[in-house]
N, C-alpha and C. Protein backbone atom coordinates (compact mmCIF):
# COMPACT_ATOMS: atom_id res chain seq x y z
N MET A 1 -38.80 -22.83 28.25
CA MET A 1 -38.65 -23.62 26.99
C MET A 1 -38.15 -24.68 26.57
N LYS A 2 -37.10 -25.27 27.46
CA LYS A 2 -36.47 -26.53 27.65
C LYS A 2 -38.03 -27.35 28.16
N SER A 3 -38.67 -27.06 29.09
CA SER A 3 -39.73 -27.99 29.24
C SER A 3 -40.76 -28.02 28.25
N LEU A 4 -41.12 -27.18 27.57
CA LEU A 4 -41.84 -27.70 26.43
C LEU A 4 -40.85 -28.29 25.28
N LEU A 5 -40.13 -27.84 24.89
CA LEU A 5 -39.23 -29.12 24.12
C LEU A 5 -39.27 -30.51 24.35
N ALA A 6 -39.01 -30.50 25.85
CA ALA A 6 -39.23 -31.69 26.34
C ALA A 6 -40.36 -32.74 26.47
N PHE A 7 -41.26 -31.75 26.71
CA PHE A 7 -42.72 -32.04 26.30
C PHE A 7 -42.97 -32.51 25.27
N LEU A 8 -42.48 -31.75 24.34
CA LEU A 8 -43.07 -32.14 22.56
C LEU A 8 -42.15 -33.25 22.27
N ILE A 9 -41.00 -33.55 22.71
CA ILE A 9 -40.29 -34.64 22.43
C ILE A 9 -41.03 -35.99 22.81
N ALA A 10 -41.23 -35.91 24.26
CA ALA A 10 -41.97 -37.06 24.56
C ALA A 10 -43.17 -37.03 24.45
N ALA A 11 -44.28 -36.34 24.20
CA ALA A 11 -45.46 -36.69 22.91
C ALA A 11 -45.15 -36.77 21.65
N SER A 12 -44.22 -36.52 21.43
CA SER A 12 -44.03 -37.16 19.86
C SER A 12 -43.72 -38.55 19.88
N LEU A 13 -42.56 -39.06 20.98
CA LEU A 13 -42.15 -40.34 21.15
C LEU A 13 -43.19 -41.49 21.60
N ALA A 14 -44.53 -41.05 22.33
CA ALA A 14 -45.60 -41.40 22.70
C ALA A 14 -46.65 -41.80 21.76
N LEU A 15 -46.57 -40.87 20.58
CA LEU A 15 -47.52 -40.96 19.55
C LEU A 15 -46.80 -42.13 18.50
N ALA A 16 -45.25 -42.05 18.87
CA ALA A 16 -44.50 -43.21 17.66
C ALA A 16 -44.81 -44.42 18.50
N ILE A 17 -45.24 -44.50 19.46
CA ILE A 17 -45.48 -46.30 20.04
C ILE A 17 -46.22 -47.11 19.01
N PRO A 18 -47.56 -46.73 18.60
CA PRO A 18 -48.31 -47.86 17.94
C PRO A 18 -47.73 -47.99 16.31
N ALA A 19 -46.56 -47.44 15.91
CA ALA A 19 -45.98 -47.55 14.73
C ALA A 19 -45.39 -49.00 14.10
N MET A 20 -45.98 -49.50 13.28
CA MET A 20 -45.33 -50.94 13.22
C MET A 20 -44.58 -50.87 11.99
N PRO A 21 -43.14 -51.24 12.36
CA PRO A 21 -42.03 -51.21 11.25
C PRO A 21 -42.48 -52.58 10.02
N ALA A 22 -41.70 -52.10 9.01
CA ALA A 22 -42.07 -53.20 8.38
C ALA A 22 -40.44 -53.19 7.50
N GLN A 23 -39.76 -54.32 7.28
CA GLN A 23 -38.41 -54.32 6.79
C GLN A 23 -38.43 -55.66 5.57
N ALA A 24 -37.85 -55.06 4.69
CA ALA A 24 -37.56 -56.02 4.04
C ALA A 24 -36.79 -56.89 3.86
N ARG A 25 -36.06 -58.06 3.52
CA ARG A 25 -35.24 -59.35 4.23
C ARG A 25 -33.76 -58.50 4.01
N GLY A 26 -33.23 -58.05 5.10
CA GLY A 26 -31.93 -57.11 4.69
C GLY A 26 -31.58 -56.06 4.52
N GLY A 27 -32.63 -55.31 4.38
CA GLY A 27 -33.14 -53.99 3.60
C GLY A 27 -33.56 -53.16 4.85
N ALA A 28 -34.02 -52.08 4.22
CA ALA A 28 -34.39 -50.92 5.24
C ALA A 28 -35.18 -51.28 5.80
N THR A 29 -35.81 -50.64 6.92
CA THR A 29 -37.02 -50.68 7.88
C THR A 29 -37.67 -49.49 7.67
N VAL A 30 -39.22 -49.71 7.14
CA VAL A 30 -39.80 -48.36 6.86
C VAL A 30 -41.19 -48.52 8.11
N ILE A 31 -41.00 -47.26 8.79
CA ILE A 31 -42.10 -46.90 9.77
C ILE A 31 -43.31 -46.10 9.30
N LYS A 32 -44.48 -46.17 9.43
CA LYS A 32 -45.52 -45.64 9.12
C LYS A 32 -46.39 -45.37 10.24
N GLY A 33 -47.30 -44.43 10.26
CA GLY A 33 -48.38 -44.51 11.21
C GLY A 33 -48.10 -44.11 12.52
N PHE A 34 -47.21 -43.13 12.51
CA PHE A 34 -46.68 -42.54 14.00
C PHE A 34 -47.33 -40.85 14.01
N GLY A 35 -47.13 -40.60 15.16
CA GLY A 35 -47.25 -39.26 15.24
C GLY A 35 -45.85 -37.97 15.18
N CYS A 36 -46.46 -36.96 14.72
CA CYS A 36 -45.37 -36.06 14.04
C CYS A 36 -45.91 -34.88 14.83
N VAL A 37 -44.58 -33.81 15.51
CA VAL A 37 -45.24 -32.59 16.18
C VAL A 37 -44.22 -31.73 15.70
N ILE A 38 -44.64 -30.54 15.15
CA ILE A 38 -43.27 -29.49 15.11
C ILE A 38 -44.01 -28.24 16.03
N ILE A 39 -43.02 -27.84 16.63
CA ILE A 39 -43.12 -26.24 17.06
C ILE A 39 -43.21 -25.01 16.78
N PRO A 40 -43.69 -24.32 16.88
CA PRO A 40 -43.61 -22.39 16.11
C PRO A 40 -42.46 -22.21 15.98
N ALA A 41 -41.20 -22.08 16.74
CA ALA A 41 -40.03 -21.97 16.60
C ALA A 41 -39.27 -22.84 15.32
N ASP A 42 -39.95 -23.70 14.72
CA ASP A 42 -39.35 -24.94 13.70
C ASP A 42 -40.36 -24.40 12.35
N SER A 43 -41.44 -24.00 12.60
CA SER A 43 -42.40 -24.21 11.43
C SER A 43 -42.63 -22.76 10.86
N GLY A 44 -42.28 -21.70 12.00
CA GLY A 44 -42.54 -20.26 11.82
C GLY A 44 -44.04 -19.94 11.81
N LEU A 45 -44.67 -20.86 12.47
CA LEU A 45 -46.18 -20.56 12.69
C LEU A 45 -46.53 -20.20 14.40
N PRO A 46 -47.55 -19.73 14.93
CA PRO A 46 -47.49 -19.23 16.15
C PRO A 46 -48.32 -20.07 16.97
N ILE A 47 -48.46 -21.37 15.92
CA ILE A 47 -49.09 -22.74 17.04
C ILE A 47 -48.26 -23.83 16.65
N VAL A 48 -48.56 -24.80 17.26
CA VAL A 48 -47.91 -26.22 17.13
C VAL A 48 -48.67 -26.99 16.48
N LEU A 49 -48.43 -27.56 15.31
CA LEU A 49 -48.85 -28.66 14.51
C LEU A 49 -48.43 -29.75 15.06
N PHE A 50 -49.79 -30.95 14.76
CA PHE A 50 -49.50 -32.41 15.27
C PHE A 50 -50.03 -32.94 13.85
N SER A 51 -49.55 -34.14 13.51
CA SER A 51 -49.96 -35.12 12.18
C SER A 51 -49.84 -36.32 12.71
N ASN A 52 -50.70 -37.30 12.22
CA ASN A 52 -50.15 -38.94 12.20
C ASN A 52 -50.89 -39.44 10.79
N GLU A 53 -51.11 -38.57 9.75
CA GLU A 53 -51.76 -39.02 8.91
C GLU A 53 -50.64 -39.51 7.72
N ALA A 54 -49.77 -38.33 7.35
CA ALA A 54 -48.59 -38.10 6.64
C ALA A 54 -47.35 -38.33 6.92
N ALA A 55 -47.09 -39.49 7.43
CA ALA A 55 -45.55 -39.72 8.51
C ALA A 55 -44.73 -40.79 8.24
N HIS A 56 -43.50 -40.48 7.71
CA HIS A 56 -43.19 -42.04 7.48
C HIS A 56 -41.40 -41.74 7.83
N GLU A 57 -40.78 -42.97 8.11
CA GLU A 57 -39.41 -42.72 8.49
C GLU A 57 -38.83 -44.27 7.80
N VAL A 58 -37.72 -43.93 7.32
CA VAL A 58 -37.02 -45.26 6.42
C VAL A 58 -35.31 -45.09 7.13
N ASP A 59 -34.89 -46.51 7.86
CA ASP A 59 -34.25 -46.62 8.58
C ASP A 59 -33.21 -47.83 8.17
N THR A 60 -32.01 -47.53 7.46
CA THR A 60 -31.05 -48.52 6.95
C THR A 60 -29.91 -49.27 7.71
N PRO A 61 -29.80 -50.51 7.61
CA PRO A 61 -29.08 -51.03 8.00
C PRO A 61 -27.58 -50.52 8.46
N SER A 62 -27.32 -49.67 7.61
CA SER A 62 -25.83 -48.77 7.89
C SER A 62 -26.29 -48.15 9.03
N GLY A 63 -27.41 -47.78 9.69
CA GLY A 63 -27.40 -46.42 10.39
C GLY A 63 -28.17 -45.40 10.12
N ASN A 64 -28.12 -44.91 9.01
CA ASN A 64 -29.06 -44.14 8.26
C ASN A 64 -30.36 -44.18 8.27
N SER A 65 -31.08 -42.81 8.74
CA SER A 65 -32.60 -42.46 8.69
C SER A 65 -32.82 -41.18 7.89
N ILE A 66 -34.19 -41.11 7.71
CA ILE A 66 -34.75 -40.05 7.18
C ILE A 66 -36.26 -40.14 7.57
N LEU A 67 -36.83 -39.43 8.19
CA LEU A 67 -37.98 -39.19 8.79
C LEU A 67 -38.78 -38.09 7.92
N GLN A 68 -39.63 -38.09 7.65
CA GLN A 68 -40.64 -37.29 6.87
C GLN A 68 -41.96 -36.95 7.37
N CYS A 69 -42.62 -35.92 7.83
CA CYS A 69 -43.86 -35.86 7.87
C CYS A 69 -44.71 -34.47 7.57
N HIS A 70 -45.63 -34.77 7.14
CA HIS A 70 -46.68 -33.68 6.55
C HIS A 70 -47.75 -33.34 7.46
N PHE A 71 -47.54 -31.97 7.34
CA PHE A 71 -48.94 -31.06 8.14
C PHE A 71 -49.92 -30.18 7.14
N ASN A 72 -50.97 -30.17 7.86
CA ASN A 72 -51.92 -28.91 7.06
C ASN A 72 -51.88 -28.04 8.16
N ILE A 73 -51.65 -26.91 7.69
CA ILE A 73 -52.13 -25.39 8.62
C ILE A 73 -53.63 -25.34 8.72
N PRO A 74 -53.79 -25.22 9.83
CA PRO A 74 -55.25 -24.64 10.14
C PRO A 74 -55.59 -23.00 9.49
N LYS A 75 -57.05 -23.06 8.88
CA LYS A 75 -57.45 -22.08 8.23
C LYS A 75 -57.19 -20.69 9.32
N GLY A 76 -56.43 -19.77 8.45
CA GLY A 76 -56.40 -18.40 8.97
C GLY A 76 -54.98 -18.34 9.66
N PHE A 77 -54.01 -19.30 9.54
CA PHE A 77 -52.38 -19.41 10.08
C PHE A 77 -51.50 -19.55 8.81
N SER A 78 -52.10 -19.61 7.74
CA SER A 78 -50.95 -20.10 6.49
C SER A 78 -49.75 -18.47 6.42
N PRO A 79 -49.03 -18.55 5.98
CA PRO A 79 -47.93 -17.61 6.28
C PRO A 79 -48.12 -16.46 4.96
N ALA A 80 -47.44 -15.11 5.00
CA ALA A 80 -47.72 -14.52 3.73
C ALA A 80 -46.84 -15.31 2.75
N LYS A 81 -45.76 -15.69 3.11
CA LYS A 81 -44.61 -16.10 2.18
C LYS A 81 -44.44 -17.53 2.91
N THR A 82 -43.58 -18.37 1.87
CA THR A 82 -42.81 -19.53 1.82
C THR A 82 -41.98 -19.12 3.03
N LEU A 83 -41.98 -20.10 4.31
CA LEU A 83 -40.77 -20.08 5.23
C LEU A 83 -39.84 -21.13 5.21
N HIS A 84 -38.85 -20.91 5.34
CA HIS A 84 -37.80 -22.16 5.48
C HIS A 84 -36.94 -22.39 6.84
N HIS A 85 -36.70 -23.21 7.52
CA HIS A 85 -36.06 -23.24 8.86
C HIS A 85 -35.27 -24.41 8.57
N VAL A 86 -33.94 -24.35 9.41
CA VAL A 86 -32.99 -25.41 9.12
C VAL A 86 -32.10 -25.56 10.54
N GLY A 87 -31.75 -26.68 10.66
CA GLY A 87 -30.58 -26.97 12.03
C GLY A 87 -31.32 -27.05 12.96
N PHE A 88 -32.67 -27.13 13.46
CA PHE A 88 -33.17 -27.43 14.78
C PHE A 88 -33.08 -29.09 15.41
N LEU A 89 -33.16 -29.36 16.26
CA LEU A 89 -33.18 -30.34 16.90
C LEU A 89 -34.25 -31.29 16.65
N CYS A 90 -34.28 -32.40 15.86
CA CYS A 90 -35.32 -33.02 15.76
C CYS A 90 -35.08 -34.92 15.83
N SER A 91 -36.00 -35.48 16.50
CA SER A 91 -36.17 -36.85 16.89
C SER A 91 -36.51 -37.68 16.04
N THR A 92 -35.93 -38.76 15.63
CA THR A 92 -36.05 -39.85 15.06
C THR A 92 -35.97 -41.03 15.77
N PHE A 93 -36.31 -42.17 14.95
CA PHE A 93 -36.49 -43.52 15.77
C PHE A 93 -35.14 -43.82 15.81
N LEU A 94 -33.96 -43.66 15.27
CA LEU A 94 -32.88 -43.69 15.35
C LEU A 94 -31.65 -42.42 16.71
N GLY A 95 -32.74 -41.55 16.92
CA GLY A 95 -32.07 -40.64 17.96
C GLY A 95 -32.36 -39.10 17.27
N LEU A 96 -31.61 -38.26 18.30
CA LEU A 96 -31.71 -37.14 17.83
C LEU A 96 -30.51 -36.43 16.99
N THR A 97 -31.44 -35.35 15.84
CA THR A 97 -30.50 -34.88 15.06
C THR A 97 -30.66 -33.13 14.67
N THR A 98 -29.54 -32.58 14.51
CA THR A 98 -29.92 -31.22 13.76
C THR A 98 -30.10 -31.15 12.59
N LYS A 99 -29.79 -32.39 11.78
CA LYS A 99 -29.93 -32.30 10.07
C LYS A 99 -31.52 -31.85 9.78
N SER A 100 -31.68 -30.96 9.80
CA SER A 100 -33.37 -31.11 9.76
C SER A 100 -33.91 -29.58 8.90
N LYS A 101 -34.73 -29.87 8.59
CA LYS A 101 -35.52 -28.46 7.28
C LYS A 101 -36.86 -28.92 7.58
N SER A 102 -37.79 -27.58 7.73
CA SER A 102 -38.87 -27.33 7.28
C SER A 102 -38.98 -26.39 6.59
N VAL A 103 -40.00 -26.63 5.83
CA VAL A 103 -40.77 -25.41 4.52
C VAL A 103 -42.13 -25.40 4.92
N THR A 104 -42.60 -24.28 5.21
CA THR A 104 -43.88 -23.93 5.65
C THR A 104 -44.59 -22.92 4.24
N THR A 105 -45.56 -23.63 3.68
CA THR A 105 -45.77 -22.37 2.36
C THR A 105 -47.19 -21.66 2.74
N ARG A 106 -47.46 -20.87 1.84
CA ARG A 106 -48.46 -20.27 1.75
C ARG A 106 -49.80 -20.95 1.50
N GLY A 107 -49.56 -22.32 0.81
CA GLY A 107 -50.83 -22.90 0.25
C GLY A 107 -51.15 -23.82 1.44
N GLY A 108 -50.96 -23.79 2.54
CA GLY A 108 -51.32 -24.37 3.86
C GLY A 108 -50.73 -25.74 4.56
N LYS A 109 -49.52 -25.87 3.98
CA LYS A 109 -48.63 -26.82 3.93
C LYS A 109 -47.32 -26.38 5.11
N VAL A 110 -47.03 -27.83 5.32
CA VAL A 110 -45.71 -27.64 6.21
C VAL A 110 -44.79 -29.20 5.98
N LEU A 111 -43.89 -29.43 5.41
CA LEU A 111 -43.03 -30.41 5.24
C LEU A 111 -41.89 -30.31 6.22
N LEU A 112 -41.65 -31.57 7.01
CA LEU A 112 -40.79 -31.31 8.26
C LEU A 112 -39.54 -32.75 7.64
N THR A 113 -38.42 -32.41 7.50
CA THR A 113 -37.82 -33.60 7.24
C THR A 113 -36.45 -33.60 8.03
N CYS A 114 -35.85 -34.77 8.21
CA CYS A 114 -35.03 -34.79 9.67
C CYS A 114 -34.04 -35.98 8.81
N GLN A 115 -32.50 -35.98 8.83
CA GLN A 115 -32.17 -37.04 8.56
C GLN A 115 -30.87 -37.33 9.79
N VAL A 116 -30.70 -38.63 10.01
CA VAL A 116 -29.65 -39.26 10.90
C VAL A 116 -28.81 -39.53 9.66
N ARG A 117 -27.45 -39.41 10.03
CA ARG A 117 -26.31 -40.08 8.93
C ARG A 117 -25.35 -40.98 9.92
N HIS A 118 -25.18 -42.17 10.03
CA HIS A 118 -24.21 -42.80 10.36
C HIS A 118 -22.86 -42.38 10.05
N LYS A 119 -21.92 -42.23 10.94
CA LYS A 119 -20.87 -41.96 11.07
C LYS A 119 -19.47 -43.38 11.17
N GLY A 120 -19.05 -43.51 10.09
CA GLY A 120 -18.21 -44.57 10.09
C GLY A 120 -17.57 -45.13 8.50
C-alpha cells in the first residue's frame, strides 16, 4: 500500500509540473491546469480517479493553501449514497497535509479539498 501511495503522489506531482501559476502583485498565487489523483481509500470507490480539467490551488503569501479537484465518476461506479472521507494524506504545492476531505456523490461527482495552514 505504501508503494501505491508513493506512486500516486509521484504521479500527481508529475501531472502538476506543467501548471502555470498566476500571481497578483503581493497577493495569492493561483495555480490551475494540473492533474489530480484520488485513490479508492480516499473516495470510497473501487477505482482510482484522475482529473486535470477542474483543478485549482490558491497559495497565499502567509503560507496558507487550499487545493480543490473535481472528478467525474465513470458510469456504473457511483455509490448508492453520498460518501464523506476526512483526514487522509493529501499533497499540495506547499506540502503534505491531512487537513483534507472528499465528498463522493450518487450523482457521479467527487470533490477533493485539501488545506495547508501556516503555523505562526
